[in-house]
Amino acid sequence: MQTEHVLMDETAIRRALTRIAHEILERNKGFENCMLIGIRTRGIYLAKRVAERIQDIEGVPATVGEIDITRYRDDRSVSAEAALAGSGEEAAGIEGKLEVQNKKLILFDDVLYTGRTVRAAMDALMDFGRPQMIQLAVLIDRGHRELPIRPDYVGKNIPTSRLESIEVKLDEVDGTDQVIIKGQRRPNE
C-alpha cells in the first residue's frame, strides 16, 4: 500500500530558505567572493530563491550558476572520455562561463540521499578550476549516505526508510511548492 504525506508547504519552504540565506551570510561573514551553484533541475531554483533573500538582507547581488551533472553520474554508462568531450561548458552542462577559481561555492540540491549527485557535481565543478571551498546546501536531508558527504546548510532533516521516497515540488517546475514523503508499507504491516 502506497502512502503520501505533505511534510513542508510553501510557507515552510520559504522559511527554510530564508534561514539558509542567513546561515550562509553568517558563516561566510557576508557574501564577498561567494557564488551559489544550483544542480539542475530543482537545485537551480532553490539557489535563485536564496540569492533573492541574500539581495534583500545584504543589498548585494548574489551570483548564481547552474550545473547539469548528468555526464558525471557514476550510475550512468557514459565513459569519462565522453563526459569530457567538447568544451568545458558543454562537458559539465554549465550555463554561461563559470569562474570558480578561488571562490567559495555554495552548491544547492533539493534532496540529499546517497551523496552521488553531490559527488558528481563536485567533479564537474573541479573541471573549471580550484575553488577556495565548496559548501553544500540542501532543502531536505533524508539520510542513507553511500559517500562521506555532509551538508553545511539543511532546510529540514527527514529520516526515512529505503522504502520511502521524498518528492520536492517547486512552483517554477511543478506549479506548487511542497515536499512530500511517499512510502510503501511492508506486506506484514
C-alpha atoms as a PDB file:
ATOM      1  CA  MET A   1       0.000   0.000   0.000  1.00  0.00           C
ATOM      2  CA  GLN A   2       1.394   3.417  -1.035  1.00  0.00           C
ATOM      3  CA  THR A   3       1.021   6.324   1.400  1.00  0.00           C
ATOM      4  CA  GLU A   4       1.675  10.025   0.830  1.00  0.00           C
ATOM      5  CA  HIS A   5       2.109  12.854   3.329  1.00  0.00           C
ATOM      6  CA  VAL A   6       2.960  16.557   2.882  1.00  0.00           C
ATOM      7  CA  LEU A   7       5.987  17.409   5.053  1.00  0.00           C
ATOM      8  CA  MET A   8       6.531  21.027   4.007  1.00  0.00           C
ATOM      9  CA  ASP A   9       4.195  23.529   2.408  1.00  0.00           C
ATOM     10  CA  GLU A  10       5.014  26.809   0.650  1.00  0.00           C
ATOM     11  CA  THR A  11       5.430  28.708   3.935  1.00  0.00           C
ATOM     12  CA  ALA A  12       7.742  26.088   5.452  1.00  0.00           C
ATOM     13  CA  ILE A  13       9.921  26.025   2.314  1.00  0.00           C
ATOM     14  CA  ARG A  14      10.132  29.841   2.285  1.00  0.00           C
ATOM     15  CA  ARG A  15      11.157  29.907   5.958  1.00  0.00           C
ATOM     16  CA  ALA A  16      13.780  27.180   5.464  1.00  0.00           C
ATOM     17  CA  LEU A  17      15.346  29.028   2.517  1.00  0.00           C
ATOM     18  CA  THR A  18      15.368  32.315   4.449  1.00  0.00           C
ATOM     19  CA  ARG A  19      17.141  30.568   7.327  1.00  0.00           C
ATOM     20  CA  ILE A  20      19.672  29.046   4.910  1.00  0.00           C
ATOM     21  CA  ALA A  21      20.358  32.515   3.431  1.00  0.00           C
ATOM     22  CA  HIS A  22      21.059  33.908   6.911  1.00  0.00           C
ATOM     23  CA  GLU A  23      23.299  30.938   7.768  1.00  0.00           C
ATOM     24  CA  ILE A  24      25.295  31.376   4.541  1.00  0.00           C
ATOM     25  CA  LEU A  25      25.851  35.064   5.303  1.00  0.00           C
ATOM     26  CA  GLU A  26      26.825  34.334   8.890  1.00  0.00           C
ATOM     27  CA  ARG A  27      29.252  31.515   8.097  1.00  0.00           C
ATOM     28  CA  ASN A  28      30.922  33.417   5.242  1.00  0.00           C
ATOM     29  CA  LYS A  29      30.852  36.826   7.001  1.00  0.00           C
ATOM     30  CA  GLY A  30      28.821  38.311   4.170  1.00  0.00           C
ATOM     31  CA  PHE A  31      28.748  37.248   0.542  1.00  0.00           C
ATOM     32  CA  GLU A  32      32.064  38.533  -0.782  1.00  0.00           C
ATOM     33  CA  ASN A  33      33.811  36.072  -3.125  1.00  0.00           C
ATOM     34  CA  CYS A  34      30.867  33.627  -2.915  1.00  0.00           C
ATOM     35  CA  MET A  35      28.752  32.087  -5.651  1.00  0.00           C
ATOM     36  CA  LEU A  36      25.604  29.947  -5.496  1.00  0.00           C
ATOM     37  CA  ILE A  37      25.554  26.933  -7.853  1.00  0.00           C
ATOM     38  CA  GLY A  38      22.299  25.074  -8.445  1.00  0.00           C
ATOM     39  CA  ILE A  39      22.212  21.455  -9.591  1.00  0.00           C
ATOM     40  CA  ARG A  40      19.590  21.010 -12.289  1.00  0.00           C
ATOM     41  CA  THR A  41      16.696  20.870 -12.089  1.00  0.00           C
ATOM     42  CA  ARG A  42      15.323  21.980  -8.748  1.00  0.00           C
ATOM     43  CA  GLY A  43      18.633  22.995  -7.178  1.00  0.00           C
ATOM     44  CA  ILE A  44      18.901  25.972  -9.517  1.00  0.00           C
ATOM     45  CA  TYR A  45      15.527  27.330  -8.387  1.00  0.00           C
ATOM     46  CA  LEU A  46      16.470  26.915  -4.734  1.00  0.00           C
ATOM     47  CA  ALA A  47      19.755  28.776  -5.386  1.00  0.00           C
ATOM     48  CA  LYS A  48      17.892  31.592  -7.154  1.00  0.00           C
ATOM     49  CA  ARG A  49      15.430  31.931  -4.274  1.00  0.00           C
ATOM     50  CA  VAL A  50      18.262  32.104  -1.738  1.00  0.00           C
ATOM     51  CA  ALA A  51      20.038  34.669  -3.955  1.00  0.00           C
ATOM     52  CA  GLU A  52      16.907  36.861  -3.772  1.00  0.00           C
ATOM     53  CA  ARG A  53      16.918  36.618   0.015  1.00  0.00           C
ATOM     54  CA  ILE A  54      20.632  37.474   0.199  1.00  0.00           C
ATOM     55  CA  GLN A  55      19.937  40.507  -2.005  1.00  0.00           C
ATOM     56  CA  ASP A  56      17.128  41.558   0.358  1.00  0.00           C
ATOM     57  CA  ILE A  57      19.250  41.034   3.502  1.00  0.00           C
ATOM     58  CA  GLU A  58      22.647  42.378   2.402  1.00  0.00           C
ATOM     59  CA  GLY A  59      21.692  44.621  -0.505  1.00  0.00           C
ATOM     60  CA  VAL A  60      24.299  42.945  -2.721  1.00  0.00           C
ATOM     61  CA  PRO A  61      23.565  40.804  -5.756  1.00  0.00           C
ATOM     62  CA  ALA A  62      24.334  37.105  -5.345  1.00  0.00           C
ATOM     63  CA  THR A  63      25.905  35.408  -8.348  1.00  0.00           C
ATOM     64  CA  VAL A  64      24.087  32.206  -9.339  1.00  0.00           C
ATOM     65  CA  GLY A  65      25.390  29.479 -11.632  1.00  0.00           C
ATOM     66  CA  GLU A  66      23.688  26.364 -12.945  1.00  0.00           C
ATOM     67  CA  ILE A  67      25.186  22.921 -13.475  1.00  0.00           C
ATOM     68  CA  ASP A  68      23.919  19.741 -15.143  1.00  0.00           C
ATOM     69  CA  ILE A  69      25.814  16.756 -13.748  1.00  0.00           C
ATOM     70  CA  THR A  70      24.248  14.055 -15.952  1.00  0.00           C
ATOM     71  CA  ARG A  71      27.543  13.184 -17.645  1.00  0.00           C
ATOM     72  CA  TYR A  72      29.343  12.914 -14.319  1.00  0.00           C
ATOM     73  CA  ARG A  73      26.970  10.429 -12.702  1.00  0.00           C
ATOM     74  CA  ASP A  74      28.561   7.107 -11.763  1.00  0.00           C
ATOM     75  CA  ASP A  75      25.267   5.296 -12.265  1.00  0.00           C
ATOM     76  CA  ARG A  76      25.165   6.159 -15.975  1.00  0.00           C
ATOM     77  CA  SER A  77      27.031   4.310 -18.707  1.00  0.00           C
ATOM     78  CA  VAL A  78      28.786   7.414 -20.112  1.00  0.00           C
ATOM     79  CA  SER A  79      32.561   6.991 -20.200  1.00  0.00           C
ATOM     80  CA  ALA A  80      34.904   9.593 -18.718  1.00  0.00           C
ATOM     81  CA  GLU A  81      36.193  10.459 -22.198  1.00  0.00           C
ATOM     82  CA  ALA A  82      32.667  11.124 -23.434  1.00  0.00           C
ATOM     83  CA  ALA A  83      31.901  13.212 -20.353  1.00  0.00           C
ATOM     84  CA  LEU A  84      34.854  15.481 -21.069  1.00  0.00           C
ATOM     85  CA  ALA A  85      34.357  15.682 -24.836  1.00  0.00           C
ATOM     86  CA  GLY A  86      33.739  19.142 -26.238  1.00  0.00           C
ATOM     87  CA  SER A  87      34.247  22.444 -24.473  1.00  0.00           C
ATOM     88  CA  GLY A  88      34.202  22.844 -20.706  1.00  0.00           C
ATOM     89  CA  GLU A  89      30.739  24.397 -20.692  1.00  0.00           C
ATOM     90  CA  GLU A  90      29.310  21.571 -22.799  1.00  0.00           C
ATOM     91  CA  ALA A  91      31.041  18.864 -20.795  1.00  0.00           C
ATOM     92  CA  ALA A  92      29.683  19.952 -17.445  1.00  0.00           C
ATOM     93  CA  GLY A  93      26.421  21.313 -18.762  1.00  0.00           C
ATOM     94  CA  ILE A  94      27.097  24.672 -17.158  1.00  0.00           C
ATOM     95  CA  GLU A  95      25.156  27.705 -18.265  1.00  0.00           C
ATOM     96  CA  GLY A  96      27.473  30.535 -19.239  1.00  0.00           C
ATOM     97  CA  LYS A  97      31.120  30.903 -18.261  1.00  0.00           C
ATOM     98  CA  LEU A  98      31.711  29.690 -14.733  1.00  0.00           C
ATOM     99  CA  GLU A  99      34.607  31.279 -12.860  1.00  0.00           C
ATOM    100  CA  VAL A 100      35.195  29.117  -9.795  1.00  0.00           C
ATOM    101  CA  GLN A 101      38.897  29.713  -9.205  1.00  0.00           C
ATOM    102  CA  ASN A 102      39.466  30.733  -5.559  1.00  0.00           C
ATOM    103  CA  LYS A 103      35.751  31.319  -4.898  1.00  0.00           C
ATOM    104  CA  LYS A 104      33.544  29.987  -2.141  1.00  0.00           C
ATOM    105  CA  LEU A 105      30.916  27.921  -3.921  1.00  0.00           C
ATOM    106  CA  ILE A 106      27.637  27.052  -2.259  1.00  0.00           C
ATOM    107  CA  LEU A 107      26.205  24.058  -4.103  1.00  0.00           C
ATOM    108  CA  PHE A 108      22.403  23.612  -3.961  1.00  0.00           C
ATOM    109  CA  ASP A 109      20.347  20.452  -4.368  1.00  0.00           C
ATOM    110  CA  ASP A 110      16.784  19.633  -3.399  1.00  0.00           C
ATOM    111  CA  VAL A 111      17.262  16.257  -1.653  1.00  0.00           C
ATOM    112  CA  LEU A 112      20.443  14.727  -0.248  1.00  0.00           C
ATOM    113  CA  TYR A 113      20.186  10.944  -0.216  1.00  0.00           C
ATOM    114  CA  THR A 114      23.180   8.746  -1.142  1.00  0.00           C
ATOM    115  CA  GLY A 115      25.533  11.650  -1.946  1.00  0.00           C
ATOM    116  CA  ARG A 116      26.220  10.521  -5.511  1.00  0.00           C
ATOM    117  CA  THR A 117      24.640  13.579  -7.144  1.00  0.00           C
ATOM    118  CA  VAL A 118      26.733  15.905  -4.983  1.00  0.00           C
ATOM    119  CA  ARG A 119      29.905  13.944  -5.766  1.00  0.00           C
ATOM    120  CA  ALA A 120      29.157  14.242  -9.488  1.00  0.00           C
ATOM    121  CA  ALA A 121      28.574  17.997  -9.108  1.00  0.00           C
ATOM    122  CA  MET A 122      31.888  18.453  -7.293  1.00  0.00           C
ATOM    123  CA  ASP A 123      33.679  16.517 -10.042  1.00  0.00           C
ATOM    124  CA  ALA A 124      32.101  18.780 -12.656  1.00  0.00           C
ATOM    125  CA  LEU A 125      32.993  21.938 -10.741  1.00  0.00           C
ATOM    126  CA  MET A 126      36.617  20.884 -10.323  1.00  0.00           C
ATOM    127  CA  ASP A 127      36.956  20.697 -14.111  1.00  0.00           C
ATOM    128  CA  PHE A 128      36.572  24.503 -14.113  1.00  0.00           C
ATOM    129  CA  GLY A 129      39.333  25.278 -11.645  1.00  0.00           C
ATOM    130  CA  ARG A 130      40.035  25.055  -7.961  1.00  0.00           C
ATOM    131  CA  PRO A 131      37.512  26.812  -5.758  1.00  0.00           C
ATOM    132  CA  GLN A 132      38.578  28.115  -2.359  1.00  0.00           C
ATOM    133  CA  MET A 133      35.907  25.854  -0.863  1.00  0.00           C
ATOM    134  CA  ILE A 134      32.662  24.101  -1.716  1.00  0.00           C
ATOM    135  CA  GLN A 135      29.792  24.216   0.755  1.00  0.00           C
ATOM    136  CA  LEU A 136      26.602  22.203   0.368  1.00  0.00           C
ATOM    137  CA  ALA A 137      23.042  23.437   0.885  1.00  0.00           C
ATOM    138  CA  VAL A 138      20.053  21.106   0.588  1.00  0.00           C
ATOM    139  CA  LEU A 139      16.368  21.603   1.217  1.00  0.00           C
ATOM    140  CA  ILE A 140      15.954  18.021   2.519  1.00  0.00           C
ATOM    141  CA  ASP A 141      18.486  15.644   4.080  1.00  0.00           C
ATOM    142  CA  ARG A 142      16.938  12.188   4.197  1.00  0.00           C
ATOM    143  CA  GLY A 143      19.970  10.146   5.261  1.00  0.00           C
ATOM    144  CA  HIS A 144      21.221   6.842   3.785  1.00  0.00           C
ATOM    145  CA  ARG A 145      24.583   8.200   2.604  1.00  0.00           C
ATOM    146  CA  GLU A 146      26.764   5.933   0.482  1.00  0.00           C
ATOM    147  CA  LEU A 147      29.564   8.510   0.331  1.00  0.00           C
ATOM    148  CA  PRO A 148      31.078  10.648   3.116  1.00  0.00           C
ATOM    149  CA  ILE A 149      29.199  13.817   2.191  1.00  0.00           C
ATOM    150  CA  ARG A 150      27.645  16.122   4.774  1.00  0.00           C
ATOM    151  CA  PRO A 151      25.567  19.247   4.085  1.00  0.00           C
ATOM    152  CA  ASP A 152      26.583  22.602   5.555  1.00  0.00           C
ATOM    153  CA  TYR A 153      23.063  24.032   5.309  1.00  0.00           C
ATOM    154  CA  VAL A 154      19.873  21.978   5.666  1.00  0.00           C
ATOM    155  CA  GLY A 155      16.285  23.113   5.305  1.00  0.00           C
ATOM    156  CA  LYS A 156      14.909  20.045   7.070  1.00  0.00           C
ATOM    157  CA  ASN A 157      16.274  16.683   8.223  1.00  0.00           C
ATOM    158  CA  ILE A 158      13.815  13.916   7.436  1.00  0.00           C
ATOM    159  CA  PRO A 159      14.966  10.431   8.464  1.00  0.00           C
ATOM    160  CA  THR A 160      13.497   7.949   6.016  1.00  0.00           C
ATOM    161  CA  SER A 161      13.467   4.256   5.311  1.00  0.00           C
ATOM    162  CA  ARG A 162      14.701   2.985   1.971  1.00  0.00           C
ATOM    163  CA  LEU A 163      11.086   2.074   1.141  1.00  0.00           C
ATOM    164  CA  GLU A 164      10.146   5.755   1.274  1.00  0.00           C
ATOM    165  CA  SER A 165      10.871   8.499  -1.215  1.00  0.00           C
ATOM    166  CA  ILE A 166      10.925  12.270  -0.926  1.00  0.00           C
ATOM    167  CA  GLU A 167       9.493  14.428  -3.676  1.00  0.00           C
ATOM    168  CA  VAL A 168      10.224  18.159  -3.776  1.00  0.00           C
ATOM    169  CA  LYS A 169       7.817  20.193  -5.861  1.00  0.00           C
ATOM    170  CA  LEU A 170       8.686  23.766  -6.748  1.00  0.00           C
ATOM    171  CA  ASP A 171       6.405  26.317  -8.338  1.00  0.00           C
ATOM    172  CA  GLU A 172       8.838  27.018 -11.197  1.00  0.00           C
ATOM    173  CA  VAL A 173       8.747  23.373 -12.327  1.00  0.00           C
ATOM    174  CA  ASP A 174       5.667  21.763 -10.794  1.00  0.00           C
ATOM    175  CA  GLY A 175       3.248  24.641 -10.239  1.00  0.00           C
ATOM    176  CA  THR A 176       3.266  24.249  -6.444  1.00  0.00           C
ATOM    177  CA  ASP A 177       5.676  24.404  -3.509  1.00  0.00           C
ATOM    178  CA  GLN A 178       5.685  21.357  -1.239  1.00  0.00           C
ATOM    179  CA  VAL A 179       7.730  18.444  -0.005  1.00  0.00           C
ATOM    180  CA  ILE A 180       6.001  15.066   0.004  1.00  0.00           C
ATOM    181  CA  ILE A 181       7.071  11.777   1.533  1.00  0.00           C
ATOM    182  CA  LYS A 182       5.812   8.697  -0.243  1.00  0.00           C
ATOM    183  CA  GLY A 183       6.053   5.344   1.384  1.00  0.00           C
ATOM    184  CA  GLN A 184       5.292   1.777   0.679  1.00  0.00           C
ATOM    185  CA  ARG A 185       4.154  -0.273   3.612  1.00  0.00           C
ATOM    186  CA  ARG A 186       5.730  -3.631   4.076  1.00  0.00           C
ATOM    187  CA  PRO A 187       3.381  -6.565   3.458  1.00  0.00           C
ATOM    188  CA  ASN A 188       3.455  -7.628   7.148  1.00  0.00           C
ATOM    189  CA  GLU A 189       2.399  -4.159   8.454  1.00  0.00           C
END
